[in-house]
């Protein structure tokens, strides 16, 4: 294992967290060692997944307001 997990490992962890009963919130805010142990991954993978989730871009679309 290198210090930098590949994108497949990172995305697999994110997908597993979404499907897990504790949810993505646990992946983002749970203690590093607890998250790593729960999902059976190295702490480097947890860090990489958190970094990826923090860099996601939220796209919003401006809409016209309905007036009467």
PDB file of N, CA and C in Angstrom:
ATOM      1  N   UNK A   1       0.846  -1.178   0.000  1.00  0.00           N
ATOM      2  CA  UNK A   1       0.000   0.000   0.000  1.00  0.00           C
ATOM      3  C   UNK A   1       0.891   1.240   0.000  1.00  0.00           C
ATOM      4  N   UNK A   2       0.578   2.135  -0.894  1.00  0.00           N
ATOM      5  CA  UNK A   2       1.301   3.402  -0.919  1.00  0.00           C
ATOM      6  C   UNK A   2       0.597   4.396  -0.014  1.00  0.00           C
ATOM      7  N   UNK A   3       1.229   5.523   0.204  1.00  0.00           N
ATOM      8  CA  UNK A   3       0.610   6.558   1.030  1.00  0.00           C
ATOM      9  C   UNK A   3      -0.537   7.249   0.317  1.00  0.00           C
ATOM     10  N   UNK A   4      -0.595   7.116  -0.999  1.00  0.00           N
ATOM     11  CA  UNK A   4      -1.639   7.764  -1.776  1.00  0.00           C
ATOM     12  C   UNK A   4      -2.524   6.692  -2.413  1.00  0.00           C
ATOM     13  N   UNK A   5      -3.735   6.500  -1.872  1.00  0.00           N
ATOM     14  CA  UNK A   5      -4.641   5.495  -2.426  1.00  0.00           C
ATOM     15  C   UNK A   5      -5.085   5.896  -3.831  1.00  0.00           C
ATOM     16  N   UNK A   6      -5.407   4.904  -4.644  1.00  0.00           N
ATOM     17  CA  UNK A   6      -5.875   5.229  -5.983  1.00  0.00           C
ATOM     18  C   UNK A   6      -7.356   5.613  -5.949  1.00  0.00           C
ATOM     19  N   UNK A   7      -7.827   6.155  -7.041  1.00  0.00           N
ATOM     20  CA  UNK A   7      -9.200   6.664  -7.089  1.00  0.00           C
ATOM     21  C   UNK A   7     -10.237   5.558  -6.941  1.00  0.00           C
ATOM     22  N   UNK A   8      -9.904   4.346  -7.338  1.00  0.00           N
ATOM     23  CA  UNK A   8     -10.858   3.234  -7.205  1.00  0.00           C
ATOM     24  C   UNK A   8     -11.073   2.901  -5.731  1.00  0.00           C
ATOM     25  N   UNK A   9      -9.987   2.828  -4.960  1.00  0.00           N
ATOM     26  CA  UNK A   9     -10.110   2.565  -3.519  1.00  0.00           C
ATOM     27  C   UNK A   9     -10.939   3.648  -2.834  1.00  0.00           C
ATOM     28  N   UNK A  10     -10.655   4.879  -3.208  1.00  0.00           N
ATOM     29  CA  UNK A  10     -11.351   6.009  -2.601  1.00  0.00           C
ATOM     30  C   UNK A  10     -12.838   5.987  -2.938  1.00  0.00           C
ATOM     31  N   UNK A  11     -13.163   5.775  -4.212  1.00  0.00           N
ATOM     32  CA  UNK A  11     -14.569   5.758  -4.621  1.00  0.00           C
ATOM     33  C   UNK A  11     -15.305   4.561  -4.021  1.00  0.00           C
ATOM     34  N   UNK A  12     -14.636   3.429  -3.908  1.00  0.00           N
ATOM     35  CA  UNK A  12     -15.260   2.258  -3.282  1.00  0.00           C
ATOM     36  C   UNK A  12     -15.639   2.559  -1.841  1.00  0.00           C
ATOM     37  N   UNK A  13     -14.760   3.239  -1.114  1.00  0.00           N
ATOM     38  CA  UNK A  13     -15.060   3.602   0.271  1.00  0.00           C
ATOM     39  C   UNK A  13     -16.258   4.541   0.329  1.00  0.00           C
ATOM     40  N   UNK A  14     -16.292   5.529  -0.527  1.00  0.00           N
ATOM     41  CA  UNK A  14     -17.420   6.465  -0.549  1.00  0.00           C
ATOM     42  C   UNK A  14     -18.725   5.733  -0.843  1.00  0.00           C
ATOM     43  N   UNK A  15     -18.703   4.851  -1.820  1.00  0.00           N
ATOM     44  CA  UNK A  15     -19.908   4.083  -2.168  1.00  0.00           C
ATOM     45  C   UNK A  15     -20.356   3.193  -1.012  1.00  0.00           C
ATOM     46  N   UNK A  16     -19.393   2.563  -0.345  1.00  0.00           N
ATOM     47  CA  UNK A  16     -19.735   1.717   0.801  1.00  0.00           C
ATOM     48  C   UNK A  16     -20.305   2.535   1.946  1.00  0.00           C
ATOM     49  N   UNK A  17     -19.766   3.723   2.158  1.00  0.00           N
ATOM     50  CA  UNK A  17     -20.264   4.589   3.230  1.00  0.00           C
ATOM     51  C   UNK A  17     -21.685   5.050   2.940  1.00  0.00           C
ATOM     52  N   UNK A  18     -21.975   5.362   1.696  1.00  0.00           N
ATOM     53  CA  UNK A  18     -23.332   5.780   1.319  1.00  0.00           C
ATOM     54  C   UNK A  18     -24.326   4.670   1.616  1.00  0.00           C
ATOM     55  N   UNK A  19     -23.950   3.437   1.342  1.00  0.00           N
ATOM     56  CA  UNK A  19     -24.846   2.294   1.541  1.00  0.00           C
ATOM     57  C   UNK A  19     -24.887   1.809   2.990  1.00  0.00           C
ATOM     58  N   UNK A  20     -23.940   2.225   3.807  1.00  0.00           N
ATOM     59  CA  UNK A  20     -23.827   1.756   5.186  1.00  0.00           C
ATOM     60  C   UNK A  20     -24.865   2.428   6.073  1.00  0.00           C
ATOM     61  N   UNK A  21     -25.278   1.738   7.126  1.00  0.00           N
ATOM     62  CA  UNK A  21     -26.291   2.294   8.034  1.00  0.00           C
ATOM     63  C   UNK A  21     -25.841   3.559   8.746  1.00  0.00           C
ATOM     64  N   UNK A  22     -24.534   3.735   8.944  1.00  0.00           N
ATOM     65  CA  UNK A  22     -24.030   4.956   9.575  1.00  0.00           C
ATOM     66  C   UNK A  22     -23.939   6.116   8.583  1.00  0.00           C
ATOM     67  N   UNK A  23     -23.918   5.794   7.314  1.00  0.00           N
ATOM     68  CA  UNK A  23     -23.985   6.801   6.277  1.00  0.00           C
ATOM     69  C   UNK A  23     -22.704   7.563   6.002  1.00  0.00           C
ATOM     70  N   UNK A  24     -22.816   8.433   5.040  1.00  0.00           N
ATOM     71  CA  UNK A  24     -21.683   9.244   4.599  1.00  0.00           C
ATOM     72  C   UNK A  24     -21.232  10.210   5.690  1.00  0.00           C
ATOM     73  N   UNK A  25     -22.146  10.578   6.551  1.00  0.00           N
ATOM     74  CA  UNK A  25     -21.821  11.478   7.674  1.00  0.00           C
ATOM     75  C   UNK A  25     -20.741  10.863   8.559  1.00  0.00           C
ATOM     76  N   UNK A  26     -20.818   9.556   8.761  1.00  0.00           N
ATOM     77  CA  UNK A  26     -19.807   8.865   9.564  1.00  0.00           C
ATOM     78  C   UNK A  26     -18.451   8.906   8.876  1.00  0.00           C
ATOM     79  N   UNK A  27     -18.435   8.722   7.574  1.00  0.00           N
ATOM     80  CA  UNK A  27     -17.180   8.798   6.831  1.00  0.00           C
ATOM     81  C   UNK A  27     -16.558  10.181   6.966  1.00  0.00           C
ATOM     82  N   UNK A  28     -17.374  11.198   6.881  1.00  0.00           N
ATOM     83  CA  UNK A  28     -16.870  12.572   6.912  1.00  0.00           C
ATOM     84  C   UNK A  28     -16.450  12.999   8.317  1.00  0.00           C
ATOM     85  N   UNK A  29     -17.257  12.656   9.326  1.00  0.00           N
ATOM     86  CA  UNK A  29     -17.039  13.207  10.668  1.00  0.00           C
ATOM     87  C   UNK A  29     -16.602  12.211  11.734  1.00  0.00           C
ATOM     88  N   UNK A  30     -16.651  10.922  11.434  1.00  0.00           N
ATOM     89  CA  UNK A  30     -16.252   9.924  12.424  1.00  0.00           C
ATOM     90  C   UNK A  30     -14.754   9.980  12.679  1.00  0.00           C
ATOM     91  N   UNK A  31     -14.335   9.452  13.810  1.00  0.00           N
ATOM     92  CA  UNK A  31     -12.900   9.450  14.090  1.00  0.00           C
ATOM     93  C   UNK A  31     -12.194   8.595  13.032  1.00  0.00           C
ATOM     94  N   UNK A  32     -11.020   9.045  12.659  1.00  0.00           N
ATOM     95  CA  UNK A  32     -10.275   8.413  11.572  1.00  0.00           C
ATOM     96  C   UNK A  32     -10.098   6.917  11.795  1.00  0.00           C
ATOM     97  N   UNK A  33      -9.683   6.535  12.996  1.00  0.00           N
ATOM     98  CA  UNK A  33      -9.447   5.113  13.261  1.00  0.00           C
ATOM     99  C   UNK A  33     -10.737   4.312  13.273  1.00  0.00           C
ATOM    100  N   UNK A  34     -11.834   4.884  13.761  1.00  0.00           N
ATOM    101  CA  UNK A  34     -13.114   4.169  13.782  1.00  0.00           C
ATOM    102  C   UNK A  34     -13.650   3.952  12.371  1.00  0.00           C
ATOM    103  N   UNK A  35     -13.514   4.959  11.535  1.00  0.00           N
ATOM    104  CA  UNK A  35     -13.976   4.829  10.146  1.00  0.00           C
ATOM    105  C   UNK A  35     -13.131   3.788   9.416  1.00  0.00           C
ATOM    106  N   UNK A  36     -11.824   3.872   9.573  1.00  0.00           N
ATOM    107  CA  UNK A  36     -10.934   2.906   8.917  1.00  0.00           C
ATOM    108  C   UNK A  36     -11.233   1.483   9.366  1.00  0.00           C
ATOM    109  N   UNK A  37     -11.445   1.292  10.660  1.00  0.00           N
ATOM    110  CA  UNK A  37     -11.742  -0.042  11.183  1.00  0.00           C
ATOM    111  C   UNK A  37     -13.100  -0.535  10.700  1.00  0.00           C
ATOM    112  N   UNK A  38     -14.105   0.324  10.719  1.00  0.00           N
ATOM    113  CA  UNK A  38     -15.447  -0.074  10.306  1.00  0.00           C
ATOM    114  C   UNK A  38     -15.469  -0.553   8.863  1.00  0.00           C
ATOM    115  N   UNK A  39     -14.757   0.141   8.001  1.00  0.00           N
ATOM    116  CA  UNK A  39     -14.780  -0.209   6.580  1.00  0.00           C
ATOM    117  C   UNK A  39     -13.603  -1.080   6.151  1.00  0.00           C
ATOM    118  N   UNK A  40     -12.717  -1.396   7.085  1.00  0.00           N
ATOM    119  CA  UNK A  40     -11.602  -2.290   6.782  1.00  0.00           C
ATOM    120  C   UNK A  40     -10.622  -1.718   5.771  1.00  0.00           C
ATOM    121  N   UNK A  41     -10.368  -0.402   5.890  1.00  0.00           N
ATOM    122  CA  UNK A  41      -9.428   0.252   4.986  1.00  0.00           C
ATOM    123  C   UNK A  41      -8.354   0.956   5.801  1.00  0.00           C
ATOM    124  N   UNK A  42      -7.304   1.366   5.138  1.00  0.00           N
ATOM    125  CA  UNK A  42      -6.235   2.104   5.781  1.00  0.00           C
ATOM    126  C   UNK A  42      -6.686   3.544   5.992  1.00  0.00           C
ATOM    127  N   UNK A  43      -6.131   4.186   6.987  1.00  0.00           N
ATOM    128  CA  UNK A  43      -6.477   5.581   7.283  1.00  0.00           C
ATOM    129  C   UNK A  43      -6.182   6.504   6.100  1.00  0.00           C
ATOM    130  N   UNK A  44      -5.185   6.156   5.274  1.00  0.00           N
ATOM    131  CA  UNK A  44      -4.888   6.956   4.086  1.00  0.00           C
ATOM    132  C   UNK A  44      -6.080   6.986   3.125  1.00  0.00           C
ATOM    133  N   UNK A  45      -6.805   5.877   3.045  1.00  0.00           N
ATOM    134  CA  UNK A  45      -7.973   5.811   2.158  1.00  0.00           C
ATOM    135  C   UNK A  45      -9.086   6.698   2.706  1.00  0.00           C
ATOM    136  N   UNK A  46      -9.266   6.682   4.015  1.00  0.00           N
ATOM    137  CA  UNK A  46     -10.272   7.543   4.641  1.00  0.00           C
ATOM    138  C   UNK A  46      -9.936   9.006   4.382  1.00  0.00           C
ATOM    139  N   UNK A  47      -8.690   9.385   4.564  1.00  0.00           N
ATOM    140  CA  UNK A  47      -8.268  10.764   4.308  1.00  0.00           C
ATOM    141  C   UNK A  47      -8.502  11.162   2.849  1.00  0.00           C
ATOM    142  N   UNK A  48      -8.170  10.265   1.936  1.00  0.00           N
ATOM    143  CA  UNK A  48      -8.344  10.567   0.512  1.00  0.00           C
ATOM    144  C   UNK A  48      -9.828  10.722   0.169  1.00  0.00           C
ATOM    145  N   UNK A  49     -10.673   9.872   0.753  1.00  0.00           N
ATOM    146  CA  UNK A  49     -12.112   9.979   0.506  1.00  0.00           C
ATOM    147  C   UNK A  49     -12.656  11.285   1.063  1.00  0.00           C
ATOM    148  N   UNK A  50     -12.201  11.670   2.235  1.00  0.00           N
ATOM    149  CA  UNK A  50     -12.640  12.942   2.820  1.00  0.00           C
ATOM    150  C   UNK A  50     -12.184  14.113   1.961  1.00  0.00           C
ATOM    151  N   UNK A  51     -10.955  14.045   1.471  1.00  0.00           N
ATOM    152  CA  UNK A  51     -10.462  15.111   0.583  1.00  0.00           C
ATOM    153  C   UNK A  51     -11.302  15.198  -0.684  1.00  0.00           C
ATOM    154  N   UNK A  52     -11.622  14.042  -1.242  1.00  0.00           N
ATOM    155  CA  UNK A  52     -12.430  14.021  -2.465  1.00  0.00           C
ATOM    156  C   UNK A  52     -13.818  14.610  -2.204  1.00  0.00           C
ATOM    157  N   UNK A  53     -14.425  14.251  -1.093  1.00  0.00           N
ATOM    158  CA  UNK A  53     -15.745  14.768  -0.769  1.00  0.00           C
ATOM    159  C   UNK A  53     -15.708  16.270  -0.500  1.00  0.00           C
ATOM    160  N   UNK A  54     -14.618  16.762   0.051  1.00  0.00           N
ATOM    161  CA  UNK A  54     -14.490  18.193   0.322  1.00  0.00           C
ATOM    162  C   UNK A  54     -14.271  19.015  -0.935  1.00  0.00           C
ATOM    163  N   UNK A  55     -13.800  18.390  -1.994  1.00  0.00           N
ATOM    164  CA  UNK A  55     -13.532  19.127  -3.226  1.00  0.00           C
ATOM    165  C   UNK A  55     -14.648  18.996  -4.245  1.00  0.00           C
ATOM    166  N   UNK A  56     -15.708  18.273  -3.900  1.00  0.00           N
ATOM    167  CA  UNK A  56     -16.818  18.156  -4.838  1.00  0.00           C
ATOM    168  C   UNK A  56     -17.440  19.525  -5.053  1.00  0.00           C
ATOM    169  N   UNK A  57     -17.795  19.780  -6.268  1.00  0.00           N
ATOM    170  CA  UNK A  57     -18.375  21.061  -6.615  1.00  0.00           C
ATOM    171  C   UNK A  57     -19.888  20.934  -6.636  1.00  0.00           C
ATOM    172  N   UNK A  58     -20.544  21.843  -5.982  1.00  0.00           N
ATOM    173  CA  UNK A  58     -21.998  21.863  -5.994  1.00  0.00           C
ATOM    174  C   UNK A  58     -22.428  22.812  -7.098  1.00  0.00           C
ATOM    175  N   UNK A  59     -23.208  22.274  -8.020  1.00  0.00           N
ATOM    176  CA  UNK A  59     -23.672  23.074  -9.137  1.00  0.00           C
ATOM    177  C   UNK A  59     -25.097  23.500  -8.849  1.00  0.00           C
ATOM    178  N   UNK A  60     -25.324  24.769  -8.916  1.00  0.00           N
ATOM    179  CA  UNK A  60     -26.675  25.278  -8.690  1.00  0.00           C
ATOM    180  C   UNK A  60     -27.171  25.939  -9.965  1.00  0.00           C
ATOM    181  N   UNK A  61     -28.460  25.961 -10.118  1.00  0.00           N
ATOM    182  CA  UNK A  61     -29.055  26.551 -11.291  1.00  0.00           C
ATOM    183  C   UNK A  61     -29.999  27.638 -10.830  1.00  0.00           C
ATOM    184  N   UNK A  62     -29.784  28.825 -11.320  1.00  0.00           N
ATOM    185  CA  UNK A  62     -30.635  29.945 -10.944  1.00  0.00           C
ATOM    186  C   UNK A  62     -31.954  29.814 -11.711  1.00  0.00           C
ATOM    187  N   UNK A  63     -33.053  29.975 -11.001  1.00  0.00           N
ATOM    188  CA  UNK A  63     -34.366  29.867 -11.626  1.00  0.00           C
ATOM    189  C   UNK A  63     -35.138  31.152 -11.429  1.00  0.00           C
ATOM    190  N   UNK A  64     -36.026  31.363 -12.325  1.00  0.00           N
ATOM    191  CA  UNK A  64     -36.900  32.540 -12.224  1.00  0.00           C
ATOM    192  C   UNK A  64     -37.917  32.328 -11.118  1.00  0.00           C
ATOM    193  N   UNK A  65     -38.168  33.354 -10.363  1.00  0.00           N
ATOM    194  CA  UNK A  65     -39.180  33.282  -9.312  1.00  0.00           C
ATOM    195  C   UNK A  65     -40.570  33.430  -9.939  1.00  0.00           C
ATOM    196  N   UNK A  66     -41.487  32.699  -9.404  1.00  0.00           N
ATOM    197  CA  UNK A  66     -42.867  32.782  -9.891  1.00  0.00           C
ATOM    198  C   UNK A  66     -43.537  33.984  -9.216  1.00  0.00           C
ATOM    199  N   UNK A  67     -44.079  34.846 -10.013  1.00  0.00           N
ATOM    200  CA  UNK A  67     -44.798  36.008  -9.470  1.00  0.00           C
ATOM    201  C   UNK A  67     -46.220  35.983  -9.979  1.00  0.00           C
ATOM    202  N   UNK A  68     -47.102  36.509  -9.174  1.00  0.00           N
ATOM    203  CA  UNK A  68     -48.497  36.526  -9.622  1.00  0.00           C
ATOM    204  C   UNK A  68     -49.067  37.911  -9.559  1.00  0.00           C
TER     205      UNK A  68
END
